[in-house]
Amino acid sequence: MAEYWRVTSGVNWNLTDNNWTRFRAGVGYDDDFLAYGAGYTAKQNISTLDIEHIFSINLELRGPAQD
């Protein structure tokens, strides 16, 4: 069961300004027939320091594999 699940995350860091510019995190399930997941991304504008929040979900159904 554990091989079907994945957790992802990441941070982009601006070394010049010493602050983050993007953060992402997500969780997903994929058993080669059904795939679904959810994610979150935050982007920071370096000049204005405004933060954009993005939420995402996905759902995918696949048919049998053709050999």
N, C-alpha and C. Protein backbone atom coordinates (compact mmCIF):
# COMPACT_ATOMS: atom_id res chain seq x y z
N MET A 1 0.82 -1.20 0.00
CA MET A 1 0.00 0.00 0.00
C MET A 1 0.86 1.26 0.00
N ALA A 2 1.97 1.25 0.72
CA ALA A 2 2.80 2.46 0.83
C ALA A 2 3.42 2.86 -0.49
N GLU A 3 3.62 1.91 -1.42
CA GLU A 3 4.24 2.26 -2.69
C GLU A 3 3.32 3.07 -3.61
N TYR A 4 2.06 3.17 -3.29
CA TYR A 4 1.12 3.96 -4.10
C TYR A 4 1.08 5.43 -3.70
N TRP A 5 1.54 5.76 -2.54
CA TRP A 5 1.45 7.13 -2.02
C TRP A 5 2.77 7.86 -2.18
N ARG A 6 2.70 9.17 -2.38
CA ARG A 6 3.91 9.99 -2.41
C ARG A 6 3.63 11.34 -1.76
N VAL A 7 4.65 11.86 -1.13
CA VAL A 7 4.60 13.19 -0.52
C VAL A 7 5.75 13.98 -1.11
N THR A 8 5.45 15.20 -1.57
CA THR A 8 6.49 16.04 -2.18
C THR A 8 6.53 17.39 -1.49
N SER A 9 7.70 17.99 -1.52
CA SER A 9 7.83 19.34 -0.98
C SER A 9 9.09 19.97 -1.56
N GLY A 10 9.16 21.28 -1.50
CA GLY A 10 10.34 21.98 -1.98
C GLY A 10 10.29 23.45 -1.65
N VAL A 11 11.47 24.04 -1.60
CA VAL A 11 11.59 25.47 -1.32
C VAL A 11 12.62 26.05 -2.28
N ASN A 12 12.30 27.17 -2.89
CA ASN A 12 13.28 27.93 -3.67
C ASN A 12 13.74 29.09 -2.81
N TRP A 13 15.05 29.23 -2.68
CA TRP A 13 15.62 30.25 -1.81
C TRP A 13 16.45 31.21 -2.63
N ASN A 14 16.26 32.50 -2.43
CA ASN A 14 17.03 33.55 -3.10
C ASN A 14 18.23 33.88 -2.22
N LEU A 15 19.42 33.48 -2.67
CA LEU A 15 20.62 33.71 -1.87
C LEU A 15 21.00 35.18 -1.77
N THR A 16 20.70 35.95 -2.81
CA THR A 16 21.05 37.37 -2.81
C THR A 16 20.25 38.13 -1.75
N ASP A 17 18.93 37.90 -1.72
CA ASP A 17 18.06 38.61 -0.77
C ASP A 17 17.86 37.84 0.54
N ASN A 18 18.36 36.59 0.60
CA ASN A 18 18.24 35.74 1.78
C ASN A 18 16.78 35.56 2.21
N ASN A 19 15.93 35.19 1.26
CA ASN A 19 14.54 34.87 1.59
C ASN A 19 14.00 33.86 0.58
N TRP A 20 12.87 33.28 0.90
CA TRP A 20 12.28 32.29 0.02
C TRP A 20 11.48 32.96 -1.09
N THR A 21 11.41 32.30 -2.24
CA THR A 21 10.62 32.82 -3.36
C THR A 21 9.47 31.88 -3.72
N ARG A 22 9.60 30.59 -3.39
CA ARG A 22 8.52 29.64 -3.67
C ARG A 22 8.61 28.47 -2.69
N PHE A 23 7.43 28.03 -2.23
CA PHE A 23 7.31 26.86 -1.37
C PHE A 23 6.23 25.98 -1.97
N ARG A 24 6.47 24.66 -2.06
CA ARG A 24 5.46 23.74 -2.57
C ARG A 24 5.39 22.49 -1.70
N ALA A 25 4.19 21.97 -1.59
CA ALA A 25 3.95 20.73 -0.85
C ALA A 25 2.77 20.02 -1.49
N GLY A 26 2.81 18.70 -1.47
CA GLY A 26 1.71 17.95 -2.05
C GLY A 26 1.69 16.52 -1.57
N VAL A 27 0.56 15.88 -1.78
CA VAL A 27 0.40 14.47 -1.47
C VAL A 27 -0.40 13.85 -2.62
N GLY A 28 -0.05 12.62 -2.98
CA GLY A 28 -0.74 11.98 -4.09
C GLY A 28 -0.79 10.47 -3.96
N TYR A 29 -1.72 9.87 -4.67
CA TYR A 29 -1.92 8.42 -4.72
C TYR A 29 -1.95 8.02 -6.17
N ASP A 30 -1.29 6.89 -6.52
CA ASP A 30 -1.29 6.41 -7.91
C ASP A 30 -1.08 4.90 -7.91
N ASP A 31 -2.11 4.16 -8.35
CA ASP A 31 -2.01 2.70 -8.43
C ASP A 31 -2.04 2.21 -9.88
N ASP A 32 -1.70 3.07 -10.82
CA ASP A 32 -1.68 2.81 -12.27
C ASP A 32 -3.07 2.69 -12.89
N PHE A 33 -4.13 2.78 -12.12
CA PHE A 33 -5.49 2.86 -12.64
C PHE A 33 -6.15 4.15 -12.20
N LEU A 34 -6.03 4.45 -10.93
CA LEU A 34 -6.59 5.66 -10.34
C LEU A 34 -5.47 6.50 -9.75
N ALA A 35 -5.46 7.78 -10.07
CA ALA A 35 -4.48 8.70 -9.50
C ALA A 35 -5.20 9.95 -9.03
N TYR A 36 -4.87 10.40 -7.84
CA TYR A 36 -5.43 11.65 -7.33
C TYR A 36 -4.45 12.28 -6.35
N GLY A 37 -4.62 13.56 -6.14
CA GLY A 37 -3.73 14.25 -5.22
C GLY A 37 -4.14 15.69 -5.00
N ALA A 38 -3.41 16.33 -4.11
CA ALA A 38 -3.66 17.73 -3.79
C ALA A 38 -2.31 18.40 -3.51
N GLY A 39 -2.26 19.69 -3.79
CA GLY A 39 -1.01 20.41 -3.58
C GLY A 39 -1.24 21.86 -3.20
N TYR A 40 -0.20 22.45 -2.70
CA TYR A 40 -0.22 23.85 -2.30
C TYR A 40 1.10 24.48 -2.75
N THR A 41 1.02 25.66 -3.32
CA THR A 41 2.21 26.43 -3.71
C THR A 41 2.03 27.86 -3.22
N ALA A 42 3.09 28.41 -2.66
CA ALA A 42 3.11 29.83 -2.27
C ALA A 42 4.28 30.47 -3.01
N LYS A 43 4.00 31.56 -3.73
CA LYS A 43 5.04 32.30 -4.44
C LYS A 43 5.16 33.69 -3.85
N GLN A 44 6.38 34.13 -3.61
CA GLN A 44 6.61 35.46 -3.06
C GLN A 44 7.27 36.34 -4.11
N ASN A 45 6.67 37.50 -4.35
CA ASN A 45 7.26 38.49 -5.25
C ASN A 45 8.36 39.21 -4.48
N ILE A 46 9.57 39.13 -4.99
CA ILE A 46 10.73 39.68 -4.27
C ILE A 46 10.65 41.20 -4.12
N SER A 47 10.16 41.89 -5.14
CA SER A 47 10.16 43.36 -5.07
C SER A 47 9.06 43.90 -4.15
N THR A 48 7.88 43.27 -4.13
CA THR A 48 6.78 43.79 -3.31
C THR A 48 6.53 42.96 -2.06
N LEU A 49 7.12 41.77 -1.97
CA LEU A 49 6.93 40.82 -0.86
C LEU A 49 5.49 40.33 -0.75
N ASP A 50 4.67 40.51 -1.80
CA ASP A 50 3.33 39.94 -1.83
C ASP A 50 3.44 38.43 -2.00
N ILE A 51 2.52 37.69 -1.42
CA ILE A 51 2.53 36.23 -1.50
C ILE A 51 1.28 35.76 -2.25
N GLU A 52 1.49 34.92 -3.26
CA GLU A 52 0.40 34.33 -4.03
C GLU A 52 0.21 32.90 -3.56
N HIS A 53 -1.02 32.52 -3.20
CA HIS A 53 -1.33 31.17 -2.71
C HIS A 53 -2.07 30.41 -3.81
N ILE A 54 -1.60 29.20 -4.12
CA ILE A 54 -2.21 28.39 -5.17
C ILE A 54 -2.51 27.00 -4.59
N PHE A 55 -3.77 26.59 -4.68
CA PHE A 55 -4.19 25.26 -4.25
C PHE A 55 -4.57 24.47 -5.48
N SER A 56 -4.21 23.19 -5.53
CA SER A 56 -4.53 22.38 -6.71
C SER A 56 -4.97 20.98 -6.29
N ILE A 57 -5.84 20.40 -7.11
CA ILE A 57 -6.25 19.00 -6.95
C ILE A 57 -6.22 18.35 -8.32
N ASN A 58 -6.01 17.05 -8.35
CA ASN A 58 -6.05 16.34 -9.62
C ASN A 58 -6.70 14.98 -9.43
N LEU A 59 -7.31 14.49 -10.51
CA LEU A 59 -7.95 13.19 -10.55
C LEU A 59 -7.73 12.63 -11.94
N GLU A 60 -7.28 11.38 -12.02
CA GLU A 60 -7.01 10.76 -13.32
C GLU A 60 -7.41 9.29 -13.26
N LEU A 61 -8.15 8.85 -14.27
CA LEU A 61 -8.51 7.44 -14.43
C LEU A 61 -7.82 6.93 -15.69
N ARG A 62 -7.27 5.72 -15.62
CA ARG A 62 -6.60 5.13 -16.77
C ARG A 62 -7.23 3.79 -17.09
N GLY A 63 -7.21 3.43 -18.37
CA GLY A 63 -7.68 2.11 -18.80
C GLY A 63 -6.56 1.09 -18.67
N PRO A 64 -6.84 -0.14 -19.05
CA PRO A 64 -5.82 -1.19 -18.96
C PRO A 64 -4.66 -0.89 -19.91
N ALA A 65 -3.46 -1.27 -19.49
CA ALA A 65 -2.26 -1.03 -20.29
C ALA A 65 -2.26 -1.95 -21.52
N GLN A 66 -1.84 -1.41 -22.63
CA GLN A 66 -1.73 -2.18 -23.87
C GLN A 66 -0.32 -2.68 -24.03
N ASP A 67 -0.12 -3.98 -24.19
CA ASP A 67 1.23 -4.54 -24.37
C ASP A 67 1.58 -4.68 -25.82
